[in-house]
Protein backbone atom coordinates (compact mmCIF):
# COMPACT_ATOMS: atom_id res chain seq x y z
CA UNK A 1 10.98 -130.98 51.85
CA UNK A 2 13.11 -133.64 53.91
CA UNK A 3 10.72 -136.28 55.34
CA UNK A 4 11.41 -138.49 52.48
CA UNK A 5 15.40 -137.94 52.08
CA UNK A 6 16.18 -140.86 54.68
CA UNK A 7 18.38 -143.70 53.52
CA UNK A 8 19.30 -146.87 54.89
CA UNK A 9 23.37 -148.28 54.63
CA UNK A 10 24.98 -151.10 55.19
CA UNK A 11 28.34 -150.48 57.42
CA UNK A 12 29.62 -154.36 55.64
CA UNK A 13 29.89 -155.62 59.75
CA UNK A 14 28.27 -158.43 61.17
CA UNK A 15 25.98 -158.82 64.26
CA UNK A 16 27.97 -161.17 66.62
CA UNK A 17 27.75 -164.53 66.49
CA UNK A 18 26.63 -164.27 62.75
CA UNK A 19 28.61 -165.79 59.82
CA UNK A 20 29.21 -164.21 56.74
CA UNK A 21 27.76 -167.38 54.85
CA UNK A 22 24.24 -167.16 57.26
CA UNK A 23 23.69 -163.58 56.77
CA UNK A 24 24.35 -163.52 52.71
CA UNK A 25 21.64 -166.90 52.90
CA UNK A 26 18.97 -164.36 55.04
CA UNK A 27 19.22 -161.41 52.98
CA UNK A 28 19.34 -163.17 49.51
CA UNK A 29 16.11 -164.93 50.83
CA UNK A 30 15.07 -161.51 52.22
CA UNK A 31 15.49 -159.12 49.06
CA UNK A 32 14.87 -162.16 46.48
CA UNK A 33 18.47 -161.91 45.39
CA UNK A 34 21.61 -163.90 45.06
CA UNK A 35 24.25 -165.14 48.20
CA UNK A 36 27.00 -163.68 46.26
CA UNK A 37 25.11 -160.56 45.23
CA UNK A 38 24.95 -160.29 48.79
CA UNK A 39 28.21 -160.98 49.35
CA UNK A 40 29.70 -157.91 46.85
CA UNK A 41 27.28 -155.33 48.81
CA UNK A 42 28.28 -156.75 52.54
CA UNK A 43 32.20 -156.40 51.42
CA UNK A 44 31.15 -152.61 50.24
CA UNK A 45 31.17 -150.77 53.41
CA UNK A 46 28.56 -147.88 52.50
CA UNK A 47 26.56 -149.58 50.23
CA UNK A 48 23.14 -147.97 50.06
CA UNK A 49 20.18 -150.05 49.94
CA UNK A 50 17.55 -147.34 49.78
CA UNK A 51 17.50 -144.03 49.76
CA UNK A 52 14.91 -140.83 49.74
CA UNK A 53 12.57 -142.44 52.01
CA UNK A 54 10.68 -141.21 55.41
CA UNK A 55 11.87 -142.05 58.65
CA UNK A 56 8.91 -145.00 59.29
CA UNK A 57 10.16 -146.82 55.81
CA UNK A 58 13.61 -146.74 56.77
CA UNK A 59 13.06 -147.88 60.43
CA UNK A 60 10.93 -151.06 58.40
CA UNK A 61 14.09 -151.52 55.73
CA UNK A 62 16.81 -151.63 59.05
CA UNK A 63 15.13 -153.88 61.11
CA UNK A 64 14.47 -156.01 58.39
CA UNK A 65 18.14 -156.13 57.35
CA UNK A 66 18.99 -156.37 61.23
CA UNK A 67 16.99 -159.55 61.67
CA UNK A 68 19.31 -161.15 59.04
CA UNK A 69 22.65 -160.56 60.91
CA UNK A 70 23.88 -157.44 58.83
CA UNK A 71 24.36 -154.28 60.87
CA UNK A 72 23.06 -151.64 58.89
CA UNK A 73 21.99 -147.56 59.47
CA UNK A 74 19.82 -144.83 58.50
CA UNK A 75 21.54 -142.01 57.19
CA UNK A 76 18.99 -138.34 57.96
CA UNK A 77 18.10 -135.99 55.34
CA UNK A 78 20.91 -133.54 57.17
CA UNK A 79 24.19 -136.04 55.96
CA UNK A 80 25.39 -135.13 52.57
CA UNK A 81 26.23 -137.81 49.92
CA UNK A 82 29.48 -139.01 50.17
CA UNK A 83 31.52 -138.86 46.98
CA UNK A 84 31.24 -142.32 46.24
CA UNK A 85 28.24 -144.72 46.88
CA UNK A 86 28.39 -148.69 45.95
CA UNK A 87 26.23 -149.52 42.82
CA UNK A 88 23.96 -152.28 44.27
CA UNK A 89 20.99 -152.37 41.37
CA UNK A 90 20.78 -150.95 37.86
CA UNK A 91 18.10 -148.38 39.60
CA UNK A 92 20.81 -147.78 42.56
CA UNK A 93 18.80 -149.94 44.71
CA UNK A 94 17.89 -153.75 45.40
CA UNK A 95 14.40 -154.49 45.44
CA UNK A 96 12.62 -153.97 48.48
CA UNK A 97 12.15 -156.82 50.64
CA UNK A 98 8.51 -158.57 50.16
CA UNK A 99 7.30 -157.43 53.34
CA UNK A 100 8.43 -153.41 52.87
CA UNK A 101 5.95 -151.53 51.21
CA UNK A 102 7.81 -148.27 49.43
CA UNK A 103 5.70 -145.02 50.04
CA UNK A 104 3.80 -143.68 47.21
CA UNK A 105 2.94 -140.88 49.07
CA UNK A 106 2.24 -139.27 51.97
CA UNK A 107 -1.51 -140.39 52.93
CA UNK A 108 -1.23 -140.82 56.63
CA UNK A 109 -1.32 -144.65 56.79
CA UNK A 110 1.40 -146.24 59.76
CA UNK A 111 3.54 -149.16 58.48
CA UNK A 112 3.81 -153.16 60.11
CA UNK A 113 5.24 -152.41 63.36
CA UNK A 114 7.37 -155.14 65.07
CA UNK A 115 7.83 -156.30 68.73
CA UNK A 116 9.63 -158.37 70.91
CA UNK A 117 8.18 -160.38 73.37
CA UNK A 118 10.01 -162.34 76.12
CA UNK A 119 8.35 -165.56 76.97
CA UNK A 120 8.80 -165.06 80.94
CA UNK A 121 5.90 -163.73 82.22
CA UNK A 122 3.19 -165.50 83.47
CA UNK A 123 0.36 -166.80 81.01
CA UNK A 124 -2.74 -165.37 81.70
CA UNK A 125 -6.03 -167.37 81.25
CA UNK A 126 -7.83 -164.55 79.63
CA UNK A 127 -5.69 -164.27 76.80
CA UNK A 128 -6.55 -168.36 76.36
CA UNK A 129 -6.73 -168.62 72.51
CA UNK A 130 -9.74 -169.43 70.47
CA UNK A 131 -9.47 -172.24 68.38
CA UNK A 132 -10.20 -171.43 64.33
CA UNK A 133 -11.11 -175.02 62.60
CA UNK A 134 -11.13 -173.19 59.49
CA UNK A 135 -10.23 -169.54 58.41
CA UNK A 136 -11.39 -168.79 54.85
CA UNK A 137 -11.76 -165.81 52.99
CA UNK A 138 -14.37 -163.04 52.89
CA UNK A 139 -15.20 -159.75 50.73
CA UNK A 140 -12.32 -157.62 52.27
CA UNK A 141 -11.21 -159.57 55.18
CA UNK A 142 -10.77 -163.17 56.68
CA UNK A 143 -13.68 -165.50 57.78
CA UNK A 144 -12.89 -167.18 61.01
CA UNK A 145 -16.03 -169.44 60.96
CA UNK A 146 -16.62 -169.30 64.51
CA UNK A 147 -19.69 -168.96 66.63
CA UNK A 148 -19.54 -165.81 68.10
CA UNK A 149 -16.76 -163.54 65.21
CA UNK A 150 -16.92 -164.61 61.16
CA UNK A 151 -16.04 -162.10 59.12
CA UNK A 152 -13.43 -159.56 59.90
CA UNK A 153 -12.14 -156.84 57.88
CA UNK A 154 -8.67 -156.47 57.58
CA UNK A 155 -7.82 -153.39 59.11
CA UNK A 156 -9.46 -154.94 62.15
CA UNK A 157 -6.73 -157.21 62.40
CA UNK A 158 -4.38 -156.11 65.20
CA UNK A 159 -1.40 -158.22 65.24
CA UNK A 160 -0.12 -161.59 64.10
CA UNK A 161 2.13 -164.14 65.17
CA UNK A 162 3.36 -167.11 63.52
CA UNK A 163 4.92 -170.28 65.13
CA UNK A 164 5.84 -174.01 65.31
CA UNK A 165 3.92 -175.79 68.63
CA UNK A 166 5.08 -179.01 69.83
CA UNK A 167 3.84 -181.75 72.73
CA UNK A 168 6.42 -183.46 72.10
CA UNK A 169 5.48 -185.88 69.44
CA UNK A 170 3.90 -184.15 66.76
CA UNK A 171 4.57 -180.35 65.35
CA UNK A 172 2.02 -178.19 63.87
CA UNK A 173 2.62 -174.38 62.62
CA UNK A 174 0.09 -172.10 63.58
CA UNK A 175 -1.39 -168.66 63.49
CA UNK A 176 -2.41 -166.39 66.33
CA UNK A 177 -4.94 -163.56 64.86
CA UNK A 178 -5.00 -160.83 67.37
CA UNK A 179 -8.31 -158.78 66.41
CA UNK A 180 -9.35 -154.79 67.67
CA UNK A 181 -11.43 -154.84 70.80
CA UNK A 182 -11.17 -158.59 71.30
CA UNK A 183 -8.90 -159.86 74.06
CA UNK A 184 -8.11 -163.33 73.30
CA UNK A 185 -6.05 -164.09 69.96
CA UNK A 186 -7.67 -166.29 67.62
CA UNK A 187 -5.50 -169.76 66.72
CA UNK A 188 -5.49 -171.64 63.32
CA UNK A 189 -3.19 -174.62 62.58
CA UNK A 190 -2.01 -173.21 58.87
CA UNK A 191 -3.35 -176.73 57.16
CA UNK A 192 -6.57 -175.43 58.03
CA UNK A 193 -6.34 -171.99 56.00
CA UNK A 194 -7.90 -171.84 52.69
CA UNK A 195 -5.03 -170.47 50.71
CA UNK A 196 -7.35 -170.08 47.72
CA UNK A 197 -9.73 -168.14 48.79
CA UNK A 198 -6.55 -164.95 48.81
CA UNK A 199 -4.94 -163.56 45.80
CA UNK A 200 -1.50 -165.24 46.84
CA UNK A 201 -0.05 -167.61 44.75
CA UNK A 202 -0.17 -171.16 46.50
CA UNK A 203 2.53 -173.81 46.62
CA UNK A 204 2.45 -177.68 47.12
CA UNK A 205 4.27 -177.19 50.37
CA UNK A 206 1.65 -175.16 52.62
CA UNK A 207 4.34 -173.28 54.68
CA UNK A 208 5.26 -171.54 51.13
CA UNK A 209 1.92 -170.46 50.98
CA UNK A 210 1.30 -169.29 54.45
CA UNK A 211 4.46 -167.03 54.08
CA UNK A 212 2.70 -165.66 51.30
CA UNK A 213 -0.48 -165.29 53.03
CA UNK A 214 1.14 -163.42 55.51
CA UNK A 215 2.83 -161.13 53.05
CA UNK A 216 -0.49 -160.37 51.60
CA UNK A 217 -2.06 -159.22 55.09
CA UNK A 218 0.83 -157.19 56.08
CA UNK A 219 0.11 -155.23 52.83
CA UNK A 220 -3.59 -155.50 53.44
CA UNK A 221 -3.33 -153.55 56.96
CA UNK A 222 0.14 -151.62 56.92
CA UNK A 223 -0.51 -151.11 60.95
CA UNK A 224 -0.87 -154.64 62.18
CA UNK A 225 2.31 -155.59 64.44
CA UNK A 226 4.17 -158.51 63.95
CA UNK A 227 6.02 -160.50 66.48
CA UNK A 228 9.60 -160.42 65.93
CA UNK A 229 10.23 -164.18 65.32
CA UNK A 230 7.25 -164.10 62.73
CA UNK A 231 9.22 -161.31 60.52
CA UNK A 232 12.13 -163.58 60.43
CA UNK A 233 9.59 -166.09 59.02
CA UNK A 234 8.78 -163.90 56.49
CA UNK A 235 12.34 -163.03 55.66
CA UNK A 236 12.91 -167.12 55.07
CA UNK A 237 13.67 -168.55 58.81
CA UNK A 238 11.52 -170.93 59.79
CA UNK A 239 8.85 -170.66 62.60
CA UNK A 240 9.86 -170.36 66.32
CA UNK A 241 9.43 -173.86 68.01
CA UNK A 242 7.20 -173.41 71.30
CA UNK A 243 5.64 -175.81 73.65
CA UNK A 244 1.84 -175.67 74.75
CA UNK A 245 3.03 -173.08 77.74
CA UNK A 246 5.03 -170.97 75.74
CA UNK A 247 2.55 -170.45 73.26
CA UNK A 248 0.44 -169.28 76.11
CA UNK A 249 2.95 -167.19 77.39
CA UNK A 250 3.56 -165.87 73.55
CA UNK A 251 -0.71 -164.99 73.54
CA UNK A 252 -0.61 -163.49 77.21
CA UNK A 253 3.16 -161.12 76.28
CA UNK A 254 1.03 -159.49 72.89
CA UNK A 255 -2.00 -159.54 74.61
CA UNK A 256 -0.66 -157.44 77.40
CA UNK A 257 1.22 -155.43 74.90
CA UNK A 258 -1.59 -154.31 72.71
CA UNK A 259 -3.66 -153.68 75.64
CA UNK A 260 -1.31 -151.28 77.30
CA UNK A 261 -1.13 -149.19 74.76
CA UNK A 262 2.78 -148.87 74.50
CA UNK A 263 3.64 -150.51 71.08
CA UNK A 264 4.94 -147.24 69.68
CA UNK A 265 7.21 -147.00 72.08
CA UNK A 266 8.66 -150.63 71.47
CA UNK A 267 8.93 -150.26 67.83
């Protein structure tokens, strides 16, 4: 069988405008390793990051790596192994990024998908977010604690987007949660998420707990859609900065994409 014979390989190149130090820091955060080790990999053209995986997983690894500014490629099954492969770990591979789940078996599950949302579209009132005063845990999902929607199973979560919203005086980190069959997303300040309700490590700084919470949701539902800068946040960057108008445009862009059903064409 060849479906699990793809590999993700570093080319040794960096994306335009990216410095080596910047890329090393982002990749080290992504793979939970040292910047020095990443620097050695970048200098070795053809370093294999992951091998013997299916195409969907290879694309997920490649997307995560490219988001750090490193350039990589996916080798197809029919390509022969080169005479020498750069050794990247005792096992021959880096540990997977926290948001990448290596396939244990082909069970038909999709993997988290990443989409780019352009903020140039006109905001539409029908996608105005529903404010959530508290987001807590439930048996097998999250509790939005609203009058119309309370318990939501993990498999009903369609998409997530994290961002910082500023009104010119204060800045708050927030989360959009899109639920299947509901047009308007739900929005919650991260200080109002009860992280202790979930089996994650809770840190003194809520932003670190928030990152762990998003990782947890992605693992519970492998078909969740992630907005691109949210993946960057999971890789160690800060959430994107938006004003109130752009947060509405983000909600509209994601809502329209989900409504169109064209997600697979963009991931």
